[in-house]
């Protein structure tokens, strides 16, 4: 993809993610309706329909990929390095520290994230309809936020977005923990609260994941792109595995720590671990391309000034003076 997208990478991949995510969401809903329609009598026919549609879609996709232009690639044997060499030097180079940071975020996140579903279905007694609504709230905000984060990243850098969204990532488990206080209330209130958490989470993770992928495109040369992405996925996958196993193991232990059940303890542990990773690693990674430095006060001031100037420009001076004269005629003396 880097061969084809040479500028405004964030904006492009933001729009691309929105389109693919929207299609996936629509297809998931349609698939649910198809299976629900056939579940009473011939659910096998429903699966045949879904698998047939998937087959046709992938076949068309493969035909389109064959027509895609690809620049000539010149292999450089000096660019190769083993995964052991990469891990050995990971802490001493910028890209290696980025991979380590992302893998640790995945590890600490997966301690709790697979158990949010269990918490909704068992502890909060959500129906599958309620559960689907929470998933949709996250998916919708993700689709909306992706292009916005992409344009922001093109202007201010991928690392800036990762730092901004990374602040919210440790807060998510604690927000889930606070939902315990709403259990005595109506389930609709709990549902709204969880949907708000999921919506905010979708916005944060949209920026973090989008810009993490785009950071690789900026940080790695073309000759090393494939191998670096491979090592990134391997190490990140290992982090996901360790985090999920750790969370699953703790949840299987029966204990009561200061009134906390294993599930609530996992939420706290994941939140604290995410915060530790963020504050320890956030300043150890540097942006790899020149970007505009953001000044929040200046940006807001410029935005207000531009909006005001647009308003005044849209009103001619003549009409403006006439409106003042007419208002003075009827003003009390």
C-alpha atoms as a PDB file:
ATOM      1  CA  UNK A   1       0.000   0.000   0.000  1.00  0.00           C
ATOM      2  CA  UNK A   2       2.888   2.359   0.629  1.00  0.00           C
ATOM      3  CA  UNK A   3       3.907   1.907  -3.032  1.00  0.00           C
ATOM      4  CA  UNK A   4       0.522   3.287  -4.085  1.00  0.00           C
ATOM      5  CA  UNK A   5      -0.108   5.951  -1.431  1.00  0.00           C
ATOM      6  CA  UNK A   6       2.701   8.484  -1.363  1.00  0.00           C
ATOM      7  CA  UNK A   7       1.066  11.472   0.378  1.00  0.00           C
ATOM      8  CA  UNK A   8      -1.796  12.188   2.788  1.00  0.00           C
ATOM      9  CA  UNK A   9      -1.490   8.635   4.062  1.00  0.00           C
ATOM     10  CA  UNK A  10      -3.570   9.283   7.169  1.00  0.00           C
ATOM     11  CA  UNK A  11      -6.461  10.793   5.225  1.00  0.00           C
ATOM     12  CA  UNK A  12      -6.458   7.951   2.689  1.00  0.00           C
ATOM     13  CA  UNK A  13      -6.332   5.102   5.192  1.00  0.00           C
ATOM     14  CA  UNK A  14      -8.903   6.851   7.385  1.00  0.00           C
ATOM     15  CA  UNK A  15     -11.394   6.925   4.505  1.00  0.00           C
ATOM     16  CA  UNK A  16     -10.439   3.404   3.481  1.00  0.00           C
ATOM     17  CA  UNK A  17     -11.025   2.103   7.005  1.00  0.00           C
ATOM     18  CA  UNK A  18     -14.399   3.851   7.135  1.00  0.00           C
ATOM     19  CA  UNK A  19     -15.540   2.267   3.858  1.00  0.00           C
ATOM     20  CA  UNK A  20     -14.331  -1.243   4.717  1.00  0.00           C
ATOM     21  CA  UNK A  21     -15.697  -0.964   8.262  1.00  0.00           C
ATOM     22  CA  UNK A  22     -19.090   0.233   7.035  1.00  0.00           C
ATOM     23  CA  UNK A  23     -19.322  -2.618   4.528  1.00  0.00           C
ATOM     24  CA  UNK A  24     -18.321  -5.139   7.212  1.00  0.00           C
ATOM     25  CA  UNK A  25     -20.914  -3.739   9.619  1.00  0.00           C
ATOM     26  CA  UNK A  26     -23.717  -3.847   7.041  1.00  0.00           C
ATOM     27  CA  UNK A  27     -22.769  -7.385   5.987  1.00  0.00           C
ATOM     28  CA  UNK A  28     -22.696  -8.548   9.616  1.00  0.00           C
ATOM     29  CA  UNK A  29     -26.210  -7.197  10.205  1.00  0.00           C
ATOM     30  CA  UNK A  30     -27.536  -8.739   6.976  1.00  0.00           C
ATOM     31  CA  UNK A  31     -25.928 -12.070   7.863  1.00  0.00           C
ATOM     32  CA  UNK A  32     -27.636 -11.956  11.243  1.00  0.00           C
ATOM     33  CA  UNK A  33     -31.027 -11.402   9.595  1.00  0.00           C
ATOM     34  CA  UNK A  34     -30.426 -14.257   7.143  1.00  0.00           C
ATOM     35  CA  UNK A  35     -29.517 -16.724   9.888  1.00  0.00           C
ATOM     36  CA  UNK A  36     -32.387 -15.513  12.053  1.00  0.00           C
ATOM     37  CA  UNK A  37     -34.806 -16.082   9.153  1.00  0.00           C
ATOM     38  CA  UNK A  38     -33.646 -19.681   8.576  1.00  0.00           C
ATOM     39  CA  UNK A  39     -32.917 -20.650  12.195  1.00  0.00           C
ATOM     40  CA  UNK A  40     -36.384 -22.068  12.881  1.00  0.00           C
ATOM     41  CA  UNK A  41     -36.412 -24.536  10.006  1.00  0.00           C
ATOM     42  CA  UNK A  42     -33.368 -24.816   7.748  1.00  0.00           C
ATOM     43  CA  UNK A  43     -30.422 -22.970   9.273  1.00  0.00           C
ATOM     44  CA  UNK A  44     -28.101 -25.005   7.016  1.00  0.00           C
ATOM     45  CA  UNK A  45     -29.552 -23.182   3.991  1.00  0.00           C
ATOM     46  CA  UNK A  46     -28.742 -19.876   5.669  1.00  0.00           C
ATOM     47  CA  UNK A  47     -25.099 -20.853   6.047  1.00  0.00           C
ATOM     48  CA  UNK A  48     -24.978 -22.037   2.430  1.00  0.00           C
ATOM     49  CA  UNK A  49     -26.206 -18.605   1.326  1.00  0.00           C
ATOM     50  CA  UNK A  50     -23.634 -16.786   3.484  1.00  0.00           C
ATOM     51  CA  UNK A  51     -20.713 -18.966   2.389  1.00  0.00           C
ATOM     52  CA  UNK A  52     -21.757 -18.610  -1.268  1.00  0.00           C
ATOM     53  CA  UNK A  53     -21.859 -14.816  -1.000  1.00  0.00           C
ATOM     54  CA  UNK A  54     -18.431 -14.858   0.693  1.00  0.00           C
ATOM     55  CA  UNK A  55     -17.039 -17.088  -2.069  1.00  0.00           C
ATOM     56  CA  UNK A  56     -18.316 -14.806  -4.832  1.00  0.00           C
ATOM     57  CA  UNK A  57     -17.049 -11.699  -3.054  1.00  0.00           C
ATOM     58  CA  UNK A  58     -13.543 -13.077  -2.578  1.00  0.00           C
ATOM     59  CA  UNK A  59     -13.457 -14.329  -6.166  1.00  0.00           C
ATOM     60  CA  UNK A  60     -14.306 -10.870  -7.496  1.00  0.00           C
ATOM     61  CA  UNK A  61     -11.748  -9.371  -5.119  1.00  0.00           C
ATOM     62  CA  UNK A  62      -8.982 -11.652  -6.416  1.00  0.00           C
ATOM     63  CA  UNK A  63      -9.800 -10.679 -10.014  1.00  0.00           C
ATOM     64  CA  UNK A  64      -9.620  -6.976  -9.140  1.00  0.00           C
ATOM     65  CA  UNK A  65      -6.266  -7.405  -7.348  1.00  0.00           C
ATOM     66  CA  UNK A  66      -4.778  -8.960 -10.502  1.00  0.00           C
ATOM     67  CA  UNK A  67      -5.515  -5.717 -12.347  1.00  0.00           C
ATOM     68  CA  UNK A  68      -3.867  -3.563  -9.685  1.00  0.00           C
ATOM     69  CA  UNK A  69      -0.677  -1.787 -10.728  1.00  0.00           C
ATOM     70  CA  UNK A  70       2.406  -2.589  -8.652  1.00  0.00           C
ATOM     71  CA  UNK A  71       5.731  -0.738  -8.989  1.00  0.00           C
ATOM     72  CA  UNK A  72       8.799  -2.829  -9.710  1.00  0.00           C
ATOM     73  CA  UNK A  73      10.501  -4.056  -6.560  1.00  0.00           C
ATOM     74  CA  UNK A  74      14.285  -4.291  -6.290  1.00  0.00           C
ATOM     75  CA  UNK A  75      15.410  -6.672  -3.600  1.00  0.00           C
ATOM     76  CA  UNK A  76      18.249  -5.633  -1.312  1.00  0.00           C
ATOM     77  CA  UNK A  77      19.750  -8.591   0.569  1.00  0.00           C
ATOM     78  CA  UNK A  78      21.466  -6.203   2.985  1.00  0.00           C
ATOM     79  CA  UNK A  79      18.039  -5.087   4.217  1.00  0.00           C
ATOM     80  CA  UNK A  80      17.242  -8.517   5.681  1.00  0.00           C
ATOM     81  CA  UNK A  81      17.619  -9.276   9.379  1.00  0.00           C
ATOM     82  CA  UNK A  82      16.267 -12.106  11.488  1.00  0.00           C
ATOM     83  CA  UNK A  83      13.603 -11.704  14.149  1.00  0.00           C
ATOM     84  CA  UNK A  84      16.192 -12.573  16.809  1.00  0.00           C
ATOM     85  CA  UNK A  85      18.385  -9.688  15.626  1.00  0.00           C
ATOM     86  CA  UNK A  86      15.371  -7.416  15.675  1.00  0.00           C
ATOM     87  CA  UNK A  87      14.374  -8.370  19.235  1.00  0.00           C
ATOM     88  CA  UNK A  88      17.969  -8.047  20.407  1.00  0.00           C
ATOM     89  CA  UNK A  89      18.235  -4.450  19.150  1.00  0.00           C
ATOM     90  CA  UNK A  90      14.597  -3.509  19.708  1.00  0.00           C
ATOM     91  CA  UNK A  91      15.183  -1.298  22.745  1.00  0.00           C
ATOM     92  CA  UNK A  92      17.954   0.676  20.969  1.00  0.00           C
ATOM     93  CA  UNK A  93      16.098   1.994  17.902  1.00  0.00           C
ATOM     94  CA  UNK A  94      12.974   4.071  17.396  1.00  0.00           C
ATOM     95  CA  UNK A  95      10.948   1.523  15.421  1.00  0.00           C
ATOM     96  CA  UNK A  96      11.835  -1.250  17.857  1.00  0.00           C
ATOM     97  CA  UNK A  97      10.608   0.815  20.802  1.00  0.00           C
ATOM     98  CA  UNK A  98       7.403   1.534  18.890  1.00  0.00           C
ATOM     99  CA  UNK A  99       6.824  -2.193  18.344  1.00  0.00           C
ATOM    100  CA  UNK A 100       7.515  -2.867  22.012  1.00  0.00           C
ATOM    101  CA  UNK A 101       5.110  -0.111  23.069  1.00  0.00           C
ATOM    102  CA  UNK A 102       2.288  -1.356  20.849  1.00  0.00           C
ATOM    103  CA  UNK A 103       2.799  -4.971  21.956  1.00  0.00           C
ATOM    104  CA  UNK A 104       2.692  -3.959  25.625  1.00  0.00           C
ATOM    105  CA  UNK A 105      -0.492  -1.956  25.006  1.00  0.00           C
ATOM    106  CA  UNK A 106      -2.013  -5.045  23.367  1.00  0.00           C
ATOM    107  CA  UNK A 107      -0.901  -7.237  26.271  1.00  0.00           C
ATOM    108  CA  UNK A 108      -2.318  -4.978  28.980  1.00  0.00           C
ATOM    109  CA  UNK A 109      -5.500  -4.380  26.974  1.00  0.00           C
ATOM    110  CA  UNK A 110      -6.193  -8.058  26.368  1.00  0.00           C
ATOM    111  CA  UNK A 111      -6.023  -8.804  30.068  1.00  0.00           C
ATOM    112  CA  UNK A 112      -9.522  -7.339  30.313  1.00  0.00           C
ATOM    113  CA  UNK A 113     -10.980  -6.763  26.826  1.00  0.00           C
ATOM    114  CA  UNK A 114     -12.092 -10.384  26.128  1.00  0.00           C
ATOM    115  CA  UNK A 115     -13.959 -10.370  29.456  1.00  0.00           C
ATOM    116  CA  UNK A 116     -16.091  -7.292  28.773  1.00  0.00           C
ATOM    117  CA  UNK A 117     -18.481  -9.533  26.839  1.00  0.00           C
ATOM    118  CA  UNK A 118     -18.654 -11.995  29.734  1.00  0.00           C
ATOM    119  CA  UNK A 119     -19.303  -9.094  32.107  1.00  0.00           C
ATOM    120  CA  UNK A 120     -22.205  -7.770  29.996  1.00  0.00           C
ATOM    121  CA  UNK A 121     -23.881 -11.129  29.447  1.00  0.00           C
ATOM    122  CA  UNK A 122     -23.402 -12.646  32.920  1.00  0.00           C
ATOM    123  CA  UNK A 123     -22.917  -9.856  35.459  1.00  0.00           C
ATOM    124  CA  UNK A 124     -25.167  -7.243  33.843  1.00  0.00           C
ATOM    125  CA  UNK A 125     -27.549  -9.862  32.375  1.00  0.00           C
ATOM    126  CA  UNK A 126     -27.676  -8.115  29.007  1.00  0.00           C
ATOM    127  CA  UNK A 127     -29.740  -9.678  26.247  1.00  0.00           C
ATOM    128  CA  UNK A 128     -28.096 -10.302  22.888  1.00  0.00           C
ATOM    129  CA  UNK A 129     -29.999  -7.286  21.556  1.00  0.00           C
ATOM    130  CA  UNK A 130     -28.454  -5.053  24.212  1.00  0.00           C
ATOM    131  CA  UNK A 131     -25.067  -6.594  23.511  1.00  0.00           C
ATOM    132  CA  UNK A 132     -25.417  -5.863  19.779  1.00  0.00           C
ATOM    133  CA  UNK A 133     -26.324  -2.234  20.538  1.00  0.00           C
ATOM    134  CA  UNK A 134     -23.085  -1.773  22.497  1.00  0.00           C
ATOM    135  CA  UNK A 135     -21.082  -3.247  19.615  1.00  0.00           C
ATOM    136  CA  UNK A 136     -22.841  -0.966  17.130  1.00  0.00           C
ATOM    137  CA  UNK A 137     -22.142   2.148  19.214  1.00  0.00           C
ATOM    138  CA  UNK A 138     -18.417   1.391  19.126  1.00  0.00           C
ATOM    139  CA  UNK A 139     -18.443   0.503  15.424  1.00  0.00           C
ATOM    140  CA  UNK A 140     -20.306   3.666  14.406  1.00  0.00           C
ATOM    141  CA  UNK A 141     -18.029   6.066  16.288  1.00  0.00           C
ATOM    142  CA  UNK A 142     -15.006   4.229  14.896  1.00  0.00           C
ATOM    143  CA  UNK A 143     -16.268   4.724  11.332  1.00  0.00           C
ATOM    144  CA  UNK A 144     -16.933   8.409  11.981  1.00  0.00           C
ATOM    145  CA  UNK A 145     -13.606   9.076  13.704  1.00  0.00           C
ATOM    146  CA  UNK A 146     -11.258   7.253  11.313  1.00  0.00           C
ATOM    147  CA  UNK A 147     -11.032   9.929   8.548  1.00  0.00           C
ATOM    148  CA  UNK A 148     -10.926  12.723  11.131  1.00  0.00           C
ATOM    149  CA  UNK A 149      -7.959  11.153  12.907  1.00  0.00           C
ATOM    150  CA  UNK A 150      -6.352  10.507   9.515  1.00  0.00           C
ATOM    151  CA  UNK A 151      -6.475  14.170   8.502  1.00  0.00           C
ATOM    152  CA  UNK A 152      -5.246  15.210  11.948  1.00  0.00           C
ATOM    153  CA  UNK A 153      -2.320  12.777  11.686  1.00  0.00           C
ATOM    154  CA  UNK A 154      -1.306  14.070   8.249  1.00  0.00           C
ATOM    155  CA  UNK A 155      -1.061  17.540   9.742  1.00  0.00           C
ATOM    156  CA  UNK A 156       0.376  16.888  13.203  1.00  0.00           C
ATOM    157  CA  UNK A 157       1.874  13.385  12.973  1.00  0.00           C
ATOM    158  CA  UNK A 158       0.845   9.840  13.817  1.00  0.00           C
ATOM    159  CA  UNK A 159       2.658   9.889  17.128  1.00  0.00           C
ATOM    160  CA  UNK A 160       0.669  12.919  18.280  1.00  0.00           C
ATOM    161  CA  UNK A 161      -2.580  11.015  17.718  1.00  0.00           C
ATOM    162  CA  UNK A 162      -1.252   7.935  19.524  1.00  0.00           C
ATOM    163  CA  UNK A 163      -0.321  10.071  22.523  1.00  0.00           C
ATOM    164  CA  UNK A 164      -3.676  11.840  22.599  1.00  0.00           C
ATOM    165  CA  UNK A 165      -5.707   8.640  22.326  1.00  0.00           C
ATOM    166  CA  UNK A 166      -3.276   6.703  24.517  1.00  0.00           C
ATOM    167  CA  UNK A 167      -4.301   8.880  27.468  1.00  0.00           C
ATOM    168  CA  UNK A 168      -7.863   7.527  27.285  1.00  0.00           C
ATOM    169  CA  UNK A 169      -6.929   3.853  26.834  1.00  0.00           C
ATOM    170  CA  UNK A 170      -6.072   3.261  30.554  1.00  0.00           C
ATOM    171  CA  UNK A 171      -9.325   4.936  31.652  1.00  0.00           C
ATOM    172  CA  UNK A 172     -11.595   2.505  29.793  1.00  0.00           C
ATOM    173  CA  UNK A 173     -11.426  -0.423  32.298  1.00  0.00           C
ATOM    174  CA  UNK A 174     -12.163   1.933  35.214  1.00  0.00           C
ATOM    175  CA  UNK A 175     -15.240   3.254  33.395  1.00  0.00           C
ATOM    176  CA  UNK A 176     -16.431  -0.332  33.054  1.00  0.00           C
ATOM    177  CA  UNK A 177     -15.773  -0.880  36.746  1.00  0.00           C
ATOM    178  CA  UNK A 178     -17.955   2.088  37.714  1.00  0.00           C
ATOM    179  CA  UNK A 179     -20.917   0.458  35.935  1.00  0.00           C
ATOM    180  CA  UNK A 180     -21.224  -1.778  39.000  1.00  0.00           C
ATOM    181  CA  UNK A 181     -22.744   1.206  40.817  1.00  0.00           C
ATOM    182  CA  UNK A 182     -25.598   1.266  38.278  1.00  0.00           C
ATOM    183  CA  UNK A 183     -26.645  -2.373  38.686  1.00  0.00           C
ATOM    184  CA  UNK A 184     -29.451  -1.528  41.181  1.00  0.00           C
ATOM    185  CA  UNK A 185     -30.955   0.860  38.591  1.00  0.00           C
ATOM    186  CA  UNK A 186     -32.955   0.177  35.455  1.00  0.00           C
ATOM    187  CA  UNK A 187     -31.146  -1.853  32.781  1.00  0.00           C
ATOM    188  CA  UNK A 188     -31.795   0.861  30.215  1.00  0.00           C
ATOM    189  CA  UNK A 189     -29.658   3.260  32.263  1.00  0.00           C
ATOM    190  CA  UNK A 190     -26.827   0.702  32.379  1.00  0.00           C
ATOM    191  CA  UNK A 191     -27.164   0.127  28.627  1.00  0.00           C
ATOM    192  CA  UNK A 192     -26.883   3.857  27.887  1.00  0.00           C
ATOM    193  CA  UNK A 193     -23.817   4.110  30.130  1.00  0.00           C
ATOM    194  CA  UNK A 194     -22.101   1.136  28.460  1.00  0.00           C
ATOM    195  CA  UNK A 195     -22.971   2.484  24.998  1.00  0.00           C
ATOM    196  CA  UNK A 196     -21.346   5.808  25.908  1.00  0.00           C
ATOM    197  CA  UNK A 197     -18.209   3.958  27.075  1.00  0.00           C
ATOM    198  CA  UNK A 198     -18.128   1.964  23.859  1.00  0.00           C
ATOM    199  CA  UNK A 199     -18.668   5.074  21.747  1.00  0.00           C
ATOM    200  CA  UNK A 200     -15.776   6.893  23.433  1.00  0.00           C
ATOM    201  CA  UNK A 201     -13.657   3.760  23.225  1.00  0.00           C
ATOM    202  CA  UNK A 202     -14.358   3.483  19.495  1.00  0.00           C
ATOM    203  CA  UNK A 203     -13.136   7.045  18.941  1.00  0.00           C
ATOM    204  CA  UNK A 204      -9.940   6.477  20.939  1.00  0.00           C
ATOM    205  CA  UNK A 205      -9.035   3.101  19.449  1.00  0.00           C
ATOM    206  CA  UNK A 206      -9.818   4.337  15.930  1.00  0.00           C
ATOM    207  CA  UNK A 207      -7.079   6.958  16.191  1.00  0.00           C
ATOM    208  CA  UNK A 208      -4.622   4.749  18.037  1.00  0.00           C
ATOM    209  CA  UNK A 209      -4.829   1.743  15.702  1.00  0.00           C
ATOM    210  CA  UNK A 210      -5.017   3.790  12.493  1.00  0.00           C
ATOM    211  CA  UNK A 211      -1.955   5.877  13.321  1.00  0.00           C
ATOM    212  CA  UNK A 212       0.010   2.904  14.636  1.00  0.00           C
ATOM    213  CA  UNK A 213      -0.302   1.296  11.212  1.00  0.00           C
ATOM    214  CA  UNK A 214       0.547   4.536   9.418  1.00  0.00           C
ATOM    215  CA  UNK A 215       3.553   5.086  11.690  1.00  0.00           C
ATOM    216  CA  UNK A 216       5.093   1.912  10.259  1.00  0.00           C
ATOM    217  CA  UNK A 217       4.767   3.303   6.725  1.00  0.00           C
ATOM    218  CA  UNK A 218       6.667   6.415   7.781  1.00  0.00           C
ATOM    219  CA  UNK A 219       9.321   4.657   9.853  1.00  0.00           C
ATOM    220  CA  UNK A 220      10.341   1.774   7.567  1.00  0.00           C
ATOM    221  CA  UNK A 221      11.952   1.755   4.130  1.00  0.00           C
ATOM    222  CA  UNK A 222      10.295  -0.045   1.247  1.00  0.00           C
ATOM    223  CA  UNK A 223      12.891  -2.836   1.153  1.00  0.00           C
ATOM    224  CA  UNK A 224      12.251  -3.653   4.818  1.00  0.00           C
ATOM    225  CA  UNK A 225       8.520  -2.989   4.879  1.00  0.00           C
ATOM    226  CA  UNK A 226       7.278  -6.571   4.556  1.00  0.00           C
ATOM    227  CA  UNK A 227       9.709  -8.056   7.052  1.00  0.00           C
ATOM    228  CA  UNK A 228       9.196  -5.262   9.606  1.00  0.00           C
ATOM    229  CA  UNK A 229       5.400  -5.600   9.388  1.00  0.00           C
ATOM    230  CA  UNK A 230       5.802  -9.353   9.840  1.00  0.00           C
ATOM    231  CA  UNK A 231       7.917  -8.965  12.960  1.00  0.00           C
ATOM    232  CA  UNK A 232       5.527  -6.309  14.258  1.00  0.00           C
ATOM    233  CA  UNK A 233       2.590  -8.719  13.886  1.00  0.00           C
ATOM    234  CA  UNK A 234       4.479 -11.607  15.488  1.00  0.00           C
ATOM    235  CA  UNK A 235       5.513  -9.612  18.569  1.00  0.00           C
ATOM    236  CA  UNK A 236       2.129  -7.913  18.870  1.00  0.00           C
ATOM    237  CA  UNK A 237       0.392 -11.281  18.512  1.00  0.00           C
ATOM    238  CA  UNK A 238       2.556 -12.653  21.308  1.00  0.00           C
ATOM    239  CA  UNK A 239       1.475  -9.726  23.501  1.00  0.00           C
ATOM    240  CA  UNK A 240      -2.198 -10.445  22.757  1.00  0.00           C
ATOM    241  CA  UNK A 241      -1.694 -14.122  23.597  1.00  0.00           C
ATOM    242  CA  UNK A 242       0.019 -13.435  26.926  1.00  0.00           C
ATOM    243  CA  UNK A 243      -2.538 -10.804  27.931  1.00  0.00           C
ATOM    244  CA  UNK A 244      -5.552 -12.981  27.118  1.00  0.00           C
ATOM    245  CA  UNK A 245      -4.062 -16.011  28.899  1.00  0.00           C
ATOM    246  CA  UNK A 246      -3.240 -13.921  31.966  1.00  0.00           C
ATOM    247  CA  UNK A 247      -6.738 -12.433  32.121  1.00  0.00           C
ATOM    248  CA  UNK A 248      -8.335 -15.838  31.604  1.00  0.00           C
ATOM    249  CA  UNK A 249      -6.199 -17.425  34.318  1.00  0.00           C
ATOM    250  CA  UNK A 250      -6.968 -14.723  36.904  1.00  0.00           C
ATOM    251  CA  UNK A 251     -10.699 -14.901  36.125  1.00  0.00           C
ATOM    252  CA  UNK A 252     -10.675 -18.658  36.780  1.00  0.00           C
ATOM    253  CA  UNK A 253      -9.260 -18.244  40.291  1.00  0.00           C
ATOM    254  CA  UNK A 254     -11.817 -17.939  43.080  1.00  0.00           C
ATOM    255  CA  UNK A 255     -10.822 -15.169  45.484  1.00  0.00           C
ATOM    256  CA  UNK A 256     -12.172 -12.011  47.062  1.00  0.00           C
ATOM    257  CA  UNK A 257      -9.550  -9.276  47.260  1.00  0.00           C
ATOM    258  CA  UNK A 258     -10.826  -6.347  49.368  1.00  0.00           C
ATOM    259  CA  UNK A 259     -14.350  -7.112  48.215  1.00  0.00           C
ATOM    260  CA  UNK A 260     -13.274  -7.364  44.569  1.00  0.00           C
ATOM    261  CA  UNK A 261     -14.216 -10.409  42.508  1.00  0.00           C
ATOM    262  CA  UNK A 262     -11.657 -11.708  39.979  1.00  0.00           C
ATOM    263  CA  UNK A 263     -13.431  -9.851  37.140  1.00  0.00           C
ATOM    264  CA  UNK A 264     -13.337  -6.473  38.892  1.00  0.00           C
ATOM    265  CA  UNK A 265      -9.742  -7.065  39.931  1.00  0.00           C
ATOM    266  CA  UNK A 266      -8.862  -7.716  36.265  1.00  0.00           C
ATOM    267  CA  UNK A 267     -10.406  -4.384  35.220  1.00  0.00           C
ATOM    268  CA  UNK A 268      -8.276  -2.532  37.776  1.00  0.00           C
ATOM    269  CA  UNK A 269      -5.140  -4.495  36.883  1.00  0.00           C
ATOM    270  CA  UNK A 270      -5.598  -3.828  33.157  1.00  0.00           C
ATOM    271  CA  UNK A 271      -6.196  -0.100  33.718  1.00  0.00           C
ATOM    272  CA  UNK A 272      -3.138   0.327  35.937  1.00  0.00           C
ATOM    273  CA  UNK A 273      -0.953  -1.736  33.587  1.00  0.00           C
ATOM    274  CA  UNK A 274      -2.080   0.319  30.561  1.00  0.00           C
ATOM    275  CA  UNK A 275      -1.317   3.553  32.418  1.00  0.00           C
ATOM    276  CA  UNK A 276       2.128   2.258  33.406  1.00  0.00           C
ATOM    277  CA  UNK A 277       2.977   1.345  29.803  1.00  0.00           C
ATOM    278  CA  UNK A 278       1.770   4.706  28.517  1.00  0.00           C
ATOM    279  CA  UNK A 279       3.709   6.890  30.966  1.00  0.00           C
ATOM    280  CA  UNK A 280       6.849   4.751  30.716  1.00  0.00           C
ATOM    281  CA  UNK A 281       6.970   4.533  26.918  1.00  0.00           C
ATOM    282  CA  UNK A 282       5.262   7.673  25.545  1.00  0.00           C
ATOM    283  CA  UNK A 283       8.440   9.791  25.447  1.00  0.00           C
ATOM    284  CA  UNK A 284      10.731   7.024  24.193  1.00  0.00           C
ATOM    285  CA  UNK A 285       9.365   7.114  20.629  1.00  0.00           C
ATOM    286  CA  UNK A 286      10.038   9.960  18.207  1.00  0.00           C
ATOM    287  CA  UNK A 287       8.074  11.135  15.180  1.00  0.00           C
ATOM    288  CA  UNK A 288       9.889  10.163  11.974  1.00  0.00           C
ATOM    289  CA  UNK A 289       8.676  12.930   9.674  1.00  0.00           C
ATOM    290  CA  UNK A 290       8.401  16.664   9.965  1.00  0.00           C
ATOM    291  CA  UNK A 291       4.962  17.730  11.155  1.00  0.00           C
ATOM    292  CA  UNK A 292       3.286  20.875  12.333  1.00  0.00           C
ATOM    293  CA  UNK A 293       3.471  21.488  16.059  1.00  0.00           C
ATOM    294  CA  UNK A 294       0.038  21.795  17.604  1.00  0.00           C
ATOM    295  CA  UNK A 295      -0.917  24.657  19.873  1.00  0.00           C
ATOM    296  CA  UNK A 296      -4.439  24.117  21.170  1.00  0.00           C
ATOM    297  CA  UNK A 297      -5.082  27.753  22.184  1.00  0.00           C
ATOM    298  CA  UNK A 298      -3.740  29.053  18.888  1.00  0.00           C
ATOM    299  CA  UNK A 299      -5.781  26.553  16.872  1.00  0.00           C
ATOM    300  CA  UNK A 300      -9.016  27.477  18.669  1.00  0.00           C
ATOM    301  CA  UNK A 301      -8.278  31.210  18.290  1.00  0.00           C
ATOM    302  CA  UNK A 302      -7.567  30.852  14.558  1.00  0.00           C
ATOM    303  CA  UNK A 303     -10.709  28.762  14.088  1.00  0.00           C
ATOM    304  CA  UNK A 304     -12.890  31.397  15.795  1.00  0.00           C
ATOM    305  CA  UNK A 305     -11.283  34.197  13.771  1.00  0.00           C
ATOM    306  CA  UNK A 306     -11.848  32.340  10.499  1.00  0.00           C
ATOM    307  CA  UNK A 307     -15.493  31.644  11.356  1.00  0.00           C
ATOM    308  CA  UNK A 308     -16.104  35.290  12.281  1.00  0.00           C
ATOM    309  CA  UNK A 309     -14.438  36.546   9.102  1.00  0.00           C
ATOM    310  CA  UNK A 310     -16.589  34.184   7.023  1.00  0.00           C
ATOM    311  CA  UNK A 311     -19.727  35.556   8.666  1.00  0.00           C
ATOM    312  CA  UNK A 312     -18.735  39.174   8.014  1.00  0.00           C
ATOM    313  CA  UNK A 313     -17.627  38.411   4.471  1.00  0.00           C
ATOM    314  CA  UNK A 314     -20.994  36.832   3.715  1.00  0.00           C
ATOM    315  CA  UNK A 315     -22.752  40.071   4.684  1.00  0.00           C
ATOM    316  CA  UNK A 316     -22.091  43.092   2.481  1.00  0.00           C
ATOM    317  CA  UNK A 317     -21.171  46.342   4.188  1.00  0.00           C
ATOM    318  CA  UNK A 318     -24.114  48.094   2.528  1.00  0.00           C
ATOM    319  CA  UNK A 319     -26.690  45.626   3.862  1.00  0.00           C
ATOM    320  CA  UNK A 320     -25.052  45.710   7.260  1.00  0.00           C
ATOM    321  CA  UNK A 321     -25.307  49.533   7.477  1.00  0.00           C
ATOM    322  CA  UNK A 322     -28.909  49.474   6.204  1.00  0.00           C
ATOM    323  CA  UNK A 323     -29.898  46.963   8.887  1.00  0.00           C
ATOM    324  CA  UNK A 324     -28.380  49.223  11.567  1.00  0.00           C
ATOM    325  CA  UNK A 325     -30.225  52.304  10.222  1.00  0.00           C
ATOM    326  CA  UNK A 326     -33.554  50.469  10.129  1.00  0.00           C
ATOM    327  CA  UNK A 327     -33.094  49.186  13.671  1.00  0.00           C
ATOM    328  CA  UNK A 328     -32.327  52.725  14.912  1.00  0.00           C
ATOM    329  CA  UNK A 329     -35.575  54.056  13.440  1.00  0.00           C
ATOM    330  CA  UNK A 330     -37.598  51.823  15.706  1.00  0.00           C
ATOM    331  CA  UNK A 331     -35.348  52.063  18.741  1.00  0.00           C
ATOM    332  CA  UNK A 332     -36.902  53.808  21.775  1.00  0.00           C
ATOM    333  CA  UNK A 333     -35.445  57.272  22.506  1.00  0.00           C
END
